[in-house]
Protein backbone atom coordinates (compact mmCIF):
# COMPACT_ATOMS: atom_id res chain seq x y z
CA MET A 1 14.16 25.16 26.90
CA GLN A 2 11.50 24.22 29.70
CA THR A 3 10.29 20.70 30.17
CA TRP A 4 6.77 21.70 29.36
CA HIS A 5 7.99 23.15 25.96
CA VAL A 6 9.59 19.79 24.95
CA ILE A 7 6.41 17.88 26.03
CA LEU A 8 4.17 20.27 24.02
CA ILE A 9 6.24 19.86 20.94
CA ILE A 10 6.37 16.04 21.24
CA VAL A 11 2.62 16.07 21.64
CA LEU A 12 2.09 18.20 18.70
CA VAL A 13 4.29 16.12 16.46
CA LEU A 14 2.55 12.85 17.66
CA ALA A 15 -0.93 14.59 16.96
CA VAL A 16 0.29 15.36 13.26
CA ILE A 17 1.43 12.00 12.56
CA TRP A 18 -1.78 10.33 13.98
CA SER A 19 -3.85 12.58 11.92
CA ASN A 20 -2.05 11.96 8.82
CA ILE A 21 -2.35 8.22 9.50
CA ALA A 22 -6.06 8.56 10.30
CA LEU A 23 -6.37 10.39 6.86
CA LEU A 24 -4.63 7.75 4.96
CA LYS A 25 -7.01 5.06 6.60
CA TYR A 26 -10.06 7.16 5.67
CA SER A 27 -9.02 7.86 2.06
CA ALA A 28 -7.98 4.31 1.46
CA LYS A 29 -11.80 3.30 2.17
CA MET A 30 -13.15 5.92 -0.31
CA ASP A 31 -14.73 5.05 -3.54
CA LEU A 32 -12.66 6.45 -6.25
CA LYS A 33 -14.99 5.72 -9.14
CA LYS A 34 -16.20 9.14 -9.06
CA PHE A 35 -12.77 10.84 -9.01
CA ASN A 36 -11.66 8.69 -12.07
CA GLN A 37 -14.38 9.66 -14.36
CA ASP A 38 -13.29 11.70 -17.36
CA PRO A 39 -14.67 15.25 -17.05
CA ILE A 40 -15.92 15.24 -20.63
CA GLU A 41 -17.72 12.13 -20.35
CA LYS A 42 -19.23 13.30 -16.95
CA ALA A 43 -20.52 16.60 -18.82
CA LYS A 44 -22.01 14.42 -21.66
CA GLN A 45 -23.91 12.32 -19.15
CA GLN A 46 -25.17 15.43 -17.17
CA ASP A 47 -26.15 16.92 -20.57
CA SER A 48 -28.03 13.52 -21.63
CA LYS A 49 -29.96 13.55 -18.30
CA SER A 50 -31.03 17.24 -18.58
CA ASP A 51 -32.25 16.42 -22.22
CA GLU A 52 -34.25 13.71 -20.76
CA LYS A 53 -35.90 15.83 -18.27
CA GLU A 54 -36.86 18.16 -20.73
CA SER A 55 -38.49 15.64 -23.12
């Protein structure tokens, strides 16, 4: 295997590792309140909001 193949593989592996770390840092800062909400409760809230708009 040629030297530039090895260098290219190393660079690609490091890029994948770096992007995964960046994604973990970004997702750690996200607000998860919206994701933890029960889908049934969310539907009830949307339904009550639409009822209020109709009234």
